[in-house]
Amino acid sequence: MRGLYAIYRKEMGHYFVSPVAYVVVGVFLALSAFFFNYFLAAVLQQALQMQMQEMEVGMHPNLDVTVEVMRAFFGLLSTLILFLTPMLTMSVYAEERKRGTMELLMTSPITEAQIVIGKFLASLTLFAIMMLPTAGYLVFVYFNSDPVPPWRMLWGGYLGVVLLGSCLLSLGSFISSLTENQLIAAVLTFAAFLVVWIIDLGSNGSGVASSVLQYLSLIRHFDDFSRGVIDTSSLIYYLSFILFFVFLTVRSVDSMRWRRA
């Protein structure tokens, strides 16, 4: 545990002195704030129009402003992290390999699993810090809503965001461990993200292959969480995805040791 904490502390220190982390977090927060205001204004305008129609023709509007804003905002978060997460993971191993500091880690009394898990937990911590301010937007809307929507939608949505982000971080870290070039790592990571994101586009049929593609889609499982539905199969999928790529990263880091030997 001491070795794992040492790696975690080292990585967190690196993030807080790296301009890339500040740029990514700043861009993310700026975009999320802008689109949150846009979604809120759009939904309120739609609700106002429906109220006017009710007054004119006696229609009964069925629009929950808070729920619509939450669902739209969680969808936005999932899209933003698709584009920004590669910038968080591109240097996790690639920069270490390029500078030669990875060799120092290989000769230290720290296991490959401690290195990988420590780095993963550090990137996940930065991701959580990046997401934390966005909760204030939805909490504000939540407490100013009538009727108040169920808490499970707020908790379920953020649980889905964290799990989705964890999956992307584990995949991006694995790709970063395969190359010394940060740009190549970022491009390959983004390409891999797109594959697991849109893998179910061709799954319009009802066969076994279609069902498999739908199950492998990251965004398909996220849809349940954005509605406040915590599905056991989605939890198992996300956790399996994370463990699988963490395991592959451990094996990739282990291969650096025996290649060096």
C-alpha atoms as a PDB file:
ATOM      1  CA  MET A   1       0.000   0.000   0.000  1.00  0.00           C
ATOM      2  CA  ARG A   2       2.896   2.367   0.679  1.00  0.00           C
ATOM      3  CA  GLY A   3       4.168   1.956  -2.872  1.00  0.00           C
ATOM      4  CA  LEU A   4       0.701   2.514  -4.326  1.00  0.00           C
ATOM      5  CA  TYR A   5       0.263   5.693  -2.279  1.00  0.00           C
ATOM      6  CA  ALA A   6       3.690   6.927  -3.389  1.00  0.00           C
ATOM      7  CA  ILE A   7       2.689   6.528  -7.037  1.00  0.00           C
ATOM      8  CA  TYR A   8      -0.687   8.156  -6.392  1.00  0.00           C
ATOM      9  CA  ARG A   9       0.883  11.154  -4.653  1.00  0.00           C
ATOM     10  CA  LYS A  10       3.501  11.519  -7.394  1.00  0.00           C
ATOM     11  CA  GLU A  11       0.849  11.503 -10.129  1.00  0.00           C
ATOM     12  CA  MET A  12      -1.405  13.985  -8.313  1.00  0.00           C
ATOM     13  CA  GLY A  13       1.560  16.322  -7.891  1.00  0.00           C
ATOM     14  CA  HIS A  14       2.299  16.000 -11.594  1.00  0.00           C
ATOM     15  CA  TYR A  15      -1.286  16.864 -12.515  1.00  0.00           C
ATOM     16  CA  PHE A  16      -1.320  19.995 -10.373  1.00  0.00           C
ATOM     17  CA  VAL A  17       1.862  21.355 -11.960  1.00  0.00           C
ATOM     18  CA  SER A  18       0.895  20.416 -15.505  1.00  0.00           C
ATOM     19  CA  PRO A  19      -0.725  23.154 -17.634  1.00  0.00           C
ATOM     20  CA  VAL A  20      -2.546  20.481 -19.646  1.00  0.00           C
ATOM     21  CA  ALA A  21      -4.661  19.467 -16.649  1.00  0.00           C
ATOM     22  CA  TYR A  22      -5.644  23.081 -15.951  1.00  0.00           C
ATOM     23  CA  VAL A  23      -6.507  23.671 -19.604  1.00  0.00           C
ATOM     24  CA  VAL A  24      -8.634  20.519 -19.817  1.00  0.00           C
ATOM     25  CA  VAL A  25     -10.484  21.275 -16.575  1.00  0.00           C
ATOM     26  CA  GLY A  26     -10.963  24.922 -17.537  1.00  0.00           C
ATOM     27  CA  VAL A  27     -12.313  24.101 -20.997  1.00  0.00           C
ATOM     28  CA  PHE A  28     -14.595  21.430 -19.572  1.00  0.00           C
ATOM     29  CA  LEU A  29     -16.078  23.725 -16.921  1.00  0.00           C
ATOM     30  CA  ALA A  30     -16.529  26.584 -19.387  1.00  0.00           C
ATOM     31  CA  LEU A  31     -18.323  24.381 -21.918  1.00  0.00           C
ATOM     32  CA  SER A  32     -20.453  22.637 -19.311  1.00  0.00           C
ATOM     33  CA  ALA A  33     -21.561  25.985 -17.822  1.00  0.00           C
ATOM     34  CA  PHE A  34     -22.395  27.407 -21.249  1.00  0.00           C
ATOM     35  CA  PHE A  35     -24.442  24.432 -22.384  1.00  0.00           C
ATOM     36  CA  PHE A  36     -26.172  24.084 -19.021  1.00  0.00           C
ATOM     37  CA  ASN A  37     -27.465  27.655 -19.379  1.00  0.00           C
ATOM     38  CA  TYR A  38     -28.445  26.877 -22.959  1.00  0.00           C
ATOM     39  CA  PHE A  39     -30.364  23.723 -22.008  1.00  0.00           C
ATOM     40  CA  LEU A  40     -32.083  25.444 -19.100  1.00  0.00           C
ATOM     41  CA  ALA A  41     -33.186  28.380 -21.248  1.00  0.00           C
ATOM     42  CA  ALA A  42     -34.380  26.082 -24.044  1.00  0.00           C
ATOM     43  CA  VAL A  43     -36.427  23.848 -21.732  1.00  0.00           C
ATOM     44  CA  LEU A  44     -37.943  26.832 -19.925  1.00  0.00           C
ATOM     45  CA  GLN A  45     -38.908  28.352 -23.266  1.00  0.00           C
ATOM     46  CA  GLN A  46     -40.515  25.087 -24.310  1.00  0.00           C
ATOM     47  CA  ALA A  47     -42.408  24.873 -21.023  1.00  0.00           C
ATOM     48  CA  LEU A  48     -43.645  28.456 -21.462  1.00  0.00           C
ATOM     49  CA  GLN A  49     -44.895  27.695 -24.957  1.00  0.00           C
ATOM     50  CA  MET A  50     -46.750  24.632 -23.704  1.00  0.00           C
ATOM     51  CA  GLN A  51     -48.387  26.684 -20.963  1.00  0.00           C
ATOM     52  CA  MET A  52     -49.548  29.203 -23.541  1.00  0.00           C
ATOM     53  CA  GLN A  53     -51.031  26.399 -25.630  1.00  0.00           C
ATOM     54  CA  GLU A  54     -52.806  25.110 -22.541  1.00  0.00           C
ATOM     55  CA  MET A  55     -54.397  28.497 -21.992  1.00  0.00           C
ATOM     56  CA  GLU A  56     -55.499  28.744 -25.630  1.00  0.00           C
ATOM     57  CA  VAL A  57     -56.788  25.249 -26.397  1.00  0.00           C
ATOM     58  CA  GLY A  58     -57.028  23.587 -22.998  1.00  0.00           C
ATOM     59  CA  MET A  59     -54.044  21.286 -23.435  1.00  0.00           C
ATOM     60  CA  HIS A  60     -52.342  19.807 -20.386  1.00  0.00           C
ATOM     61  CA  PRO A  61     -48.549  20.130 -20.660  1.00  0.00           C
ATOM     62  CA  ASN A  62     -46.542  17.139 -19.561  1.00  0.00           C
ATOM     63  CA  LEU A  63     -43.035  18.565 -19.336  1.00  0.00           C
ATOM     64  CA  ASP A  64     -40.860  18.224 -16.243  1.00  0.00           C
ATOM     65  CA  VAL A  65     -38.282  20.990 -16.626  1.00  0.00           C
ATOM     66  CA  THR A  66     -35.823  19.578 -14.084  1.00  0.00           C
ATOM     67  CA  VAL A  67     -35.870  16.066 -15.513  1.00  0.00           C
ATOM     68  CA  GLU A  68     -35.397  17.326 -19.075  1.00  0.00           C
ATOM     69  CA  VAL A  69     -32.510  19.585 -18.059  1.00  0.00           C
ATOM     70  CA  MET A  70     -30.830  16.788 -16.089  1.00  0.00           C
ATOM     71  CA  ARG A  71     -31.071  14.284 -18.929  1.00  0.00           C
ATOM     72  CA  ALA A  72     -29.765  16.784 -21.476  1.00  0.00           C
ATOM     73  CA  PHE A  73     -26.924  17.825 -19.168  1.00  0.00           C
ATOM     74  CA  PHE A  74     -25.829  14.255 -18.418  1.00  0.00           C
ATOM     75  CA  GLY A  75     -25.821  13.580 -22.148  1.00  0.00           C
ATOM     76  CA  LEU A  76     -23.609  16.644 -22.581  1.00  0.00           C
ATOM     77  CA  LEU A  77     -21.194  15.450 -19.884  1.00  0.00           C
ATOM     78  CA  SER A  78     -20.826  12.087 -21.584  1.00  0.00           C
ATOM     79  CA  THR A  79     -19.972  13.816 -24.869  1.00  0.00           C
ATOM     80  CA  LEU A  80     -17.490  16.252 -23.331  1.00  0.00           C
ATOM     81  CA  ILE A  81     -15.519  13.545 -21.549  1.00  0.00           C
ATOM     82  CA  LEU A  82     -15.328  11.621 -24.826  1.00  0.00           C
ATOM     83  CA  PHE A  83     -13.355  14.495 -26.349  1.00  0.00           C
ATOM     84  CA  LEU A  84     -11.365  15.642 -23.298  1.00  0.00           C
ATOM     85  CA  THR A  85     -10.382  12.422 -21.521  1.00  0.00           C
ATOM     86  CA  PRO A  86      -7.711  11.498 -24.118  1.00  0.00           C
ATOM     87  CA  MET A  87      -5.835  14.640 -23.057  1.00  0.00           C
ATOM     88  CA  LEU A  88      -5.824  13.430 -19.446  1.00  0.00           C
ATOM     89  CA  THR A  89      -4.482   9.964 -20.253  1.00  0.00           C
ATOM     90  CA  MET A  90      -2.113  10.615 -23.164  1.00  0.00           C
ATOM     91  CA  SER A  91       0.871  11.326 -20.901  1.00  0.00           C
ATOM     92  CA  VAL A  92       0.207   8.817 -18.109  1.00  0.00           C
ATOM     93  CA  TYR A  93       2.818   6.385 -19.452  1.00  0.00           C
ATOM     94  CA  ALA A  94       3.944   7.871 -22.776  1.00  0.00           C
ATOM     95  CA  GLU A  95       5.687  10.833 -21.139  1.00  0.00           C
ATOM     96  CA  GLU A  96       7.336   8.590 -18.541  1.00  0.00           C
ATOM     97  CA  ARG A  97       8.689   6.337 -21.280  1.00  0.00           C
ATOM     98  CA  LYS A  98       9.907   9.268 -23.366  1.00  0.00           C
ATOM     99  CA  ARG A  99      11.756  10.908 -20.455  1.00  0.00           C
ATOM    100  CA  GLY A 100      13.178   7.588 -19.231  1.00  0.00           C
ATOM    101  CA  THR A 101      11.610   7.865 -15.782  1.00  0.00           C
ATOM    102  CA  MET A 102       9.645   4.696 -16.427  1.00  0.00           C
ATOM    103  CA  GLU A 103      12.889   2.761 -16.150  1.00  0.00           C
ATOM    104  CA  LEU A 104      13.411   4.184 -12.671  1.00  0.00           C
ATOM    105  CA  LEU A 105       9.985   2.912 -11.655  1.00  0.00           C
ATOM    106  CA  MET A 106      10.834  -0.496 -13.075  1.00  0.00           C
ATOM    107  CA  THR A 107      13.935  -0.728 -10.895  1.00  0.00           C
ATOM    108  CA  SER A 108      12.170   0.475  -7.737  1.00  0.00           C
ATOM    109  CA  PRO A 109      10.632  -1.934  -5.177  1.00  0.00           C
ATOM    110  CA  ILE A 110       7.138  -1.232  -6.498  1.00  0.00           C
ATOM    111  CA  THR A 111       5.059  -3.819  -8.297  1.00  0.00           C
ATOM    112  CA  GLU A 112       3.496  -3.274 -11.700  1.00  0.00           C
ATOM    113  CA  ALA A 113       0.022  -3.484 -10.177  1.00  0.00           C
ATOM    114  CA  GLN A 114       0.850  -0.721  -7.688  1.00  0.00           C
ATOM    115  CA  ILE A 115       2.139   1.499 -10.490  1.00  0.00           C
ATOM    116  CA  VAL A 116      -0.944   0.970 -12.651  1.00  0.00           C
ATOM    117  CA  ILE A 117      -3.520   1.234  -9.881  1.00  0.00           C
ATOM    118  CA  GLY A 118      -1.814   4.291  -8.368  1.00  0.00           C
ATOM    119  CA  LYS A 119      -1.793   6.095 -11.708  1.00  0.00           C
ATOM    120  CA  PHE A 120      -5.381   5.081 -12.436  1.00  0.00           C
ATOM    121  CA  LEU A 121      -6.623   6.307  -9.054  1.00  0.00           C
ATOM    122  CA  ALA A 122      -4.814   9.620  -9.556  1.00  0.00           C
ATOM    123  CA  SER A 123      -6.416  10.182 -12.966  1.00  0.00           C
ATOM    124  CA  LEU A 124      -9.791   9.185 -11.539  1.00  0.00           C
ATOM    125  CA  THR A 125      -9.341  11.681  -8.686  1.00  0.00           C
ATOM    126  CA  LEU A 126      -8.611  14.467 -11.163  1.00  0.00           C
ATOM    127  CA  PHE A 127     -11.666  13.418 -13.158  1.00  0.00           C
ATOM    128  CA  ALA A 128     -13.846  13.570 -10.018  1.00  0.00           C
ATOM    129  CA  ILE A 129     -12.451  17.019  -9.159  1.00  0.00           C
ATOM    130  CA  MET A 130     -13.316  18.147 -12.680  1.00  0.00           C
ATOM    131  CA  MET A 131     -16.883  16.868 -12.341  1.00  0.00           C
ATOM    132  CA  LEU A 132     -17.551  18.179  -8.842  1.00  0.00           C
ATOM    133  CA  PRO A 133     -18.384  21.820  -9.752  1.00  0.00           C
ATOM    134  CA  THR A 134     -20.986  20.689 -12.304  1.00  0.00           C
ATOM    135  CA  ALA A 135     -23.055  19.125  -9.516  1.00  0.00           C
ATOM    136  CA  GLY A 136     -23.753  22.627  -8.248  1.00  0.00           C
ATOM    137  CA  TYR A 137     -25.714  23.427 -11.421  1.00  0.00           C
ATOM    138  CA  LEU A 138     -28.086  20.509 -11.008  1.00  0.00           C
ATOM    139  CA  VAL A 139     -28.419  20.889  -7.243  1.00  0.00           C
ATOM    140  CA  PHE A 140     -29.469  24.510  -7.781  1.00  0.00           C
ATOM    141  CA  VAL A 141     -32.120  23.468 -10.297  1.00  0.00           C
ATOM    142  CA  TYR A 142     -33.179  20.574  -8.088  1.00  0.00           C
ATOM    143  CA  PHE A 143     -33.931  22.740  -5.051  1.00  0.00           C
ATOM    144  CA  ASN A 144     -35.708  25.346  -7.168  1.00  0.00           C
ATOM    145  CA  SER A 145     -38.051  22.856  -8.841  1.00  0.00           C
ATOM    146  CA  ASP A 146     -41.699  22.157  -8.224  1.00  0.00           C
ATOM    147  CA  PRO A 147     -42.342  19.280  -8.072  1.00  0.00           C
ATOM    148  CA  VAL A 148     -38.958  18.058  -6.879  1.00  0.00           C
ATOM    149  CA  PRO A 149     -37.700  15.092  -8.945  1.00  0.00           C
ATOM    150  CA  PRO A 150     -36.412  11.949  -7.207  1.00  0.00           C
ATOM    151  CA  TRP A 151     -32.859  12.053  -5.858  1.00  0.00           C
ATOM    152  CA  ARG A 152     -32.049   8.783  -7.619  1.00  0.00           C
ATOM    153  CA  MET A 153     -31.906  10.581 -10.953  1.00  0.00           C
ATOM    154  CA  LEU A 154     -29.191  12.933  -9.699  1.00  0.00           C
ATOM    155  CA  TRP A 155     -27.175  10.203  -7.975  1.00  0.00           C
ATOM    156  CA  GLY A 156     -27.723   7.712 -10.785  1.00  0.00           C
ATOM    157  CA  GLY A 157     -26.637  10.215 -13.421  1.00  0.00           C
ATOM    158  CA  TYR A 158     -23.390  11.068 -11.678  1.00  0.00           C
ATOM    159  CA  LEU A 159     -22.701   7.425 -10.885  1.00  0.00           C
ATOM    160  CA  GLY A 160     -23.023   6.747 -14.603  1.00  0.00           C
ATOM    161  CA  VAL A 161     -20.700   9.662 -15.436  1.00  0.00           C
ATOM    162  CA  VAL A 162     -18.052   8.409 -12.989  1.00  0.00           C
ATOM    163  CA  LEU A 163     -18.278   4.837 -14.274  1.00  0.00           C
ATOM    164  CA  LEU A 164     -18.157   5.981 -17.886  1.00  0.00           C
ATOM    165  CA  GLY A 165     -15.186   8.207 -17.149  1.00  0.00           C
ATOM    166  CA  SER A 166     -13.441   5.361 -15.319  1.00  0.00           C
ATOM    167  CA  CYS A 167     -13.865   3.119 -18.348  1.00  0.00           C
ATOM    168  CA  LEU A 168     -12.408   5.738 -20.666  1.00  0.00           C
ATOM    169  CA  LEU A 169      -9.520   6.427 -18.274  1.00  0.00           C
ATOM    170  CA  SER A 170      -8.634   2.731 -18.043  1.00  0.00           C
ATOM    171  CA  LEU A 171      -8.719   2.349 -21.825  1.00  0.00           C
ATOM    172  CA  GLY A 172      -6.750   5.556 -22.395  1.00  0.00           C
ATOM    173  CA  SER A 173      -4.116   4.558 -19.835  1.00  0.00           C
ATOM    174  CA  PHE A 174      -3.651   1.206 -21.553  1.00  0.00           C
ATOM    175  CA  ILE A 175      -3.120   2.879 -24.937  1.00  0.00           C
ATOM    176  CA  SER A 176      -0.693   5.367 -23.376  1.00  0.00           C
ATOM    177  CA  SER A 177       1.374   2.445 -22.078  1.00  0.00           C
ATOM    178  CA  LEU A 178       1.914   1.219 -25.644  1.00  0.00           C
ATOM    179  CA  THR A 179       3.739   4.253 -27.055  1.00  0.00           C
ATOM    180  CA  GLU A 180       6.243   6.957 -26.157  1.00  0.00           C
ATOM    181  CA  ASN A 181       4.498   9.623 -28.246  1.00  0.00           C
ATOM    182  CA  GLN A 182       1.777  11.568 -26.424  1.00  0.00           C
ATOM    183  CA  LEU A 183       0.137  12.772 -29.642  1.00  0.00           C
ATOM    184  CA  ILE A 184      -0.124   9.236 -30.994  1.00  0.00           C
ATOM    185  CA  ALA A 185      -1.530   8.104 -27.642  1.00  0.00           C
ATOM    186  CA  ALA A 186      -4.170  10.864 -27.732  1.00  0.00           C
ATOM    187  CA  VAL A 187      -5.211  10.117 -31.319  1.00  0.00           C
ATOM    188  CA  LEU A 188      -5.383   6.349 -30.785  1.00  0.00           C
ATOM    189  CA  THR A 189      -7.290   6.850 -27.542  1.00  0.00           C
ATOM    190  CA  PHE A 190      -9.866   9.075 -29.189  1.00  0.00           C
ATOM    191  CA  ALA A 191     -10.268   6.581 -32.037  1.00  0.00           C
ATOM    192  CA  ALA A 192     -10.762   3.745 -29.546  1.00  0.00           C
ATOM    193  CA  PHE A 193     -13.290   5.846 -27.622  1.00  0.00           C
ATOM    194  CA  LEU A 194     -15.300   6.388 -30.798  1.00  0.00           C
ATOM    195  CA  VAL A 195     -15.332   2.659 -31.526  1.00  0.00           C
ATOM    196  CA  VAL A 196     -16.716   1.669 -28.120  1.00  0.00           C
ATOM    197  CA  TRP A 197     -19.041   4.690 -28.247  1.00  0.00           C
ATOM    198  CA  ILE A 198     -20.753   4.001 -31.576  1.00  0.00           C
ATOM    199  CA  ILE A 199     -20.225   0.253 -31.807  1.00  0.00           C
ATOM    200  CA  ASP A 200     -23.987  -0.335 -31.653  1.00  0.00           C
ATOM    201  CA  LEU A 201     -24.878   1.821 -34.692  1.00  0.00           C
ATOM    202  CA  GLY A 202     -25.050  -1.264 -36.867  1.00  0.00           C
ATOM    203  CA  SER A 203     -27.090  -3.249 -34.354  1.00  0.00           C
ATOM    204  CA  ASN A 204     -30.552  -2.592 -35.743  1.00  0.00           C
ATOM    205  CA  GLY A 205     -31.356  -6.259 -36.139  1.00  0.00           C
ATOM    206  CA  SER A 206     -32.547  -8.752 -33.573  1.00  0.00           C
ATOM    207  CA  GLY A 207     -29.858 -11.419 -33.898  1.00  0.00           C
ATOM    208  CA  VAL A 208     -27.131 -12.488 -31.510  1.00  0.00           C
ATOM    209  CA  ALA A 209     -24.525 -10.235 -33.136  1.00  0.00           C
ATOM    210  CA  SER A 210     -26.809  -7.231 -32.753  1.00  0.00           C
ATOM    211  CA  SER A 211     -27.385  -7.986 -29.077  1.00  0.00           C
ATOM    212  CA  VAL A 212     -23.638  -8.348 -28.471  1.00  0.00           C
ATOM    213  CA  LEU A 213     -22.887  -5.016 -30.158  1.00  0.00           C
ATOM    214  CA  GLN A 214     -25.560  -3.289 -28.104  1.00  0.00           C
ATOM    215  CA  TYR A 215     -24.159  -4.751 -24.901  1.00  0.00           C
ATOM    216  CA  LEU A 216     -20.617  -3.634 -25.766  1.00  0.00           C
ATOM    217  CA  SER A 217     -21.666  -0.024 -26.327  1.00  0.00           C
ATOM    218  CA  LEU A 218     -20.557   2.276 -23.508  1.00  0.00           C
ATOM    219  CA  ILE A 219     -23.198   4.906 -24.238  1.00  0.00           C
ATOM    220  CA  ARG A 220     -26.070   2.402 -24.368  1.00  0.00           C
ATOM    221  CA  HIS A 221     -25.404   1.457 -20.740  1.00  0.00           C
ATOM    222  CA  PHE A 222     -25.018   5.103 -19.783  1.00  0.00           C
ATOM    223  CA  ASP A 223     -28.545   5.901 -20.997  1.00  0.00           C
ATOM    224  CA  ASP A 224     -30.005   3.934 -18.079  1.00  0.00           C
ATOM    225  CA  PHE A 225     -28.007   5.913 -15.532  1.00  0.00           C
ATOM    226  CA  SER A 226     -28.997   9.244 -17.107  1.00  0.00           C
ATOM    227  CA  ARG A 227     -32.635   8.325 -16.415  1.00  0.00           C
ATOM    228  CA  GLY A 228     -31.867   7.444 -12.800  1.00  0.00           C
ATOM    229  CA  VAL A 229     -32.080   3.695 -13.461  1.00  0.00           C
ATOM    230  CA  ILE A 230     -29.205   1.709 -11.938  1.00  0.00           C
ATOM    231  CA  ASP A 231     -29.145  -1.581 -13.828  1.00  0.00           C
ATOM    232  CA  THR A 232     -27.076  -4.434 -12.409  1.00  0.00           C
ATOM    233  CA  SER A 233     -26.002  -5.581 -15.877  1.00  0.00           C
ATOM    234  CA  SER A 234     -24.689  -2.080 -16.653  1.00  0.00           C
ATOM    235  CA  LEU A 235     -22.766  -1.993 -13.373  1.00  0.00           C
ATOM    236  CA  ILE A 236     -21.216  -5.383 -14.137  1.00  0.00           C
ATOM    237  CA  TYR A 237     -20.320  -4.267 -17.650  1.00  0.00           C
ATOM    238  CA  TYR A 238     -18.611  -1.071 -16.536  1.00  0.00           C
ATOM    239  CA  LEU A 239     -16.691  -2.731 -13.699  1.00  0.00           C
ATOM    240  CA  SER A 240     -15.614  -5.586 -15.985  1.00  0.00           C
ATOM    241  CA  PHE A 241     -14.480  -3.080 -18.611  1.00  0.00           C
ATOM    242  CA  ILE A 242     -12.387  -1.190 -16.047  1.00  0.00           C
ATOM    243  CA  LEU A 243     -10.810  -4.319 -14.567  1.00  0.00           C
ATOM    244  CA  PHE A 244     -10.056  -5.743 -18.016  1.00  0.00           C
ATOM    245  CA  PHE A 245      -8.107  -2.712 -19.220  1.00  0.00           C
ATOM    246  CA  VAL A 246      -6.383  -2.214 -15.868  1.00  0.00           C
ATOM    247  CA  PHE A 247      -5.245  -5.840 -16.169  1.00  0.00           C
ATOM    248  CA  LEU A 248      -4.016  -5.228 -19.744  1.00  0.00           C
ATOM    249  CA  THR A 249      -2.141  -2.151 -18.575  1.00  0.00           C
ATOM    250  CA  VAL A 250      -0.440  -4.183 -15.831  1.00  0.00           C
ATOM    251  CA  ARG A 251       0.641  -6.708 -18.434  1.00  0.00           C
ATOM    252  CA  SER A 252       1.868  -3.908 -20.717  1.00  0.00           C
ATOM    253  CA  VAL A 253       3.918  -2.360 -17.905  1.00  0.00           C
ATOM    254  CA  ASP A 254       5.247  -5.801 -16.985  1.00  0.00           C
ATOM    255  CA  SER A 255       6.402  -6.265 -20.580  1.00  0.00           C
ATOM    256  CA  MET A 256       8.518  -3.091 -20.224  1.00  0.00           C
ATOM    257  CA  ARG A 257      10.385  -4.752 -17.369  1.00  0.00           C
ATOM    258  CA  TRP A 258      11.308  -7.920 -19.238  1.00  0.00           C
ATOM    259  CA  ARG A 259      12.073  -6.021 -22.477  1.00  0.00           C
ATOM    260  CA  ARG A 260      14.492  -3.905 -20.493  1.00  0.00           C
ATOM    261  CA  ALA A 261      16.023  -7.031 -19.000  1.00  0.00           C
END
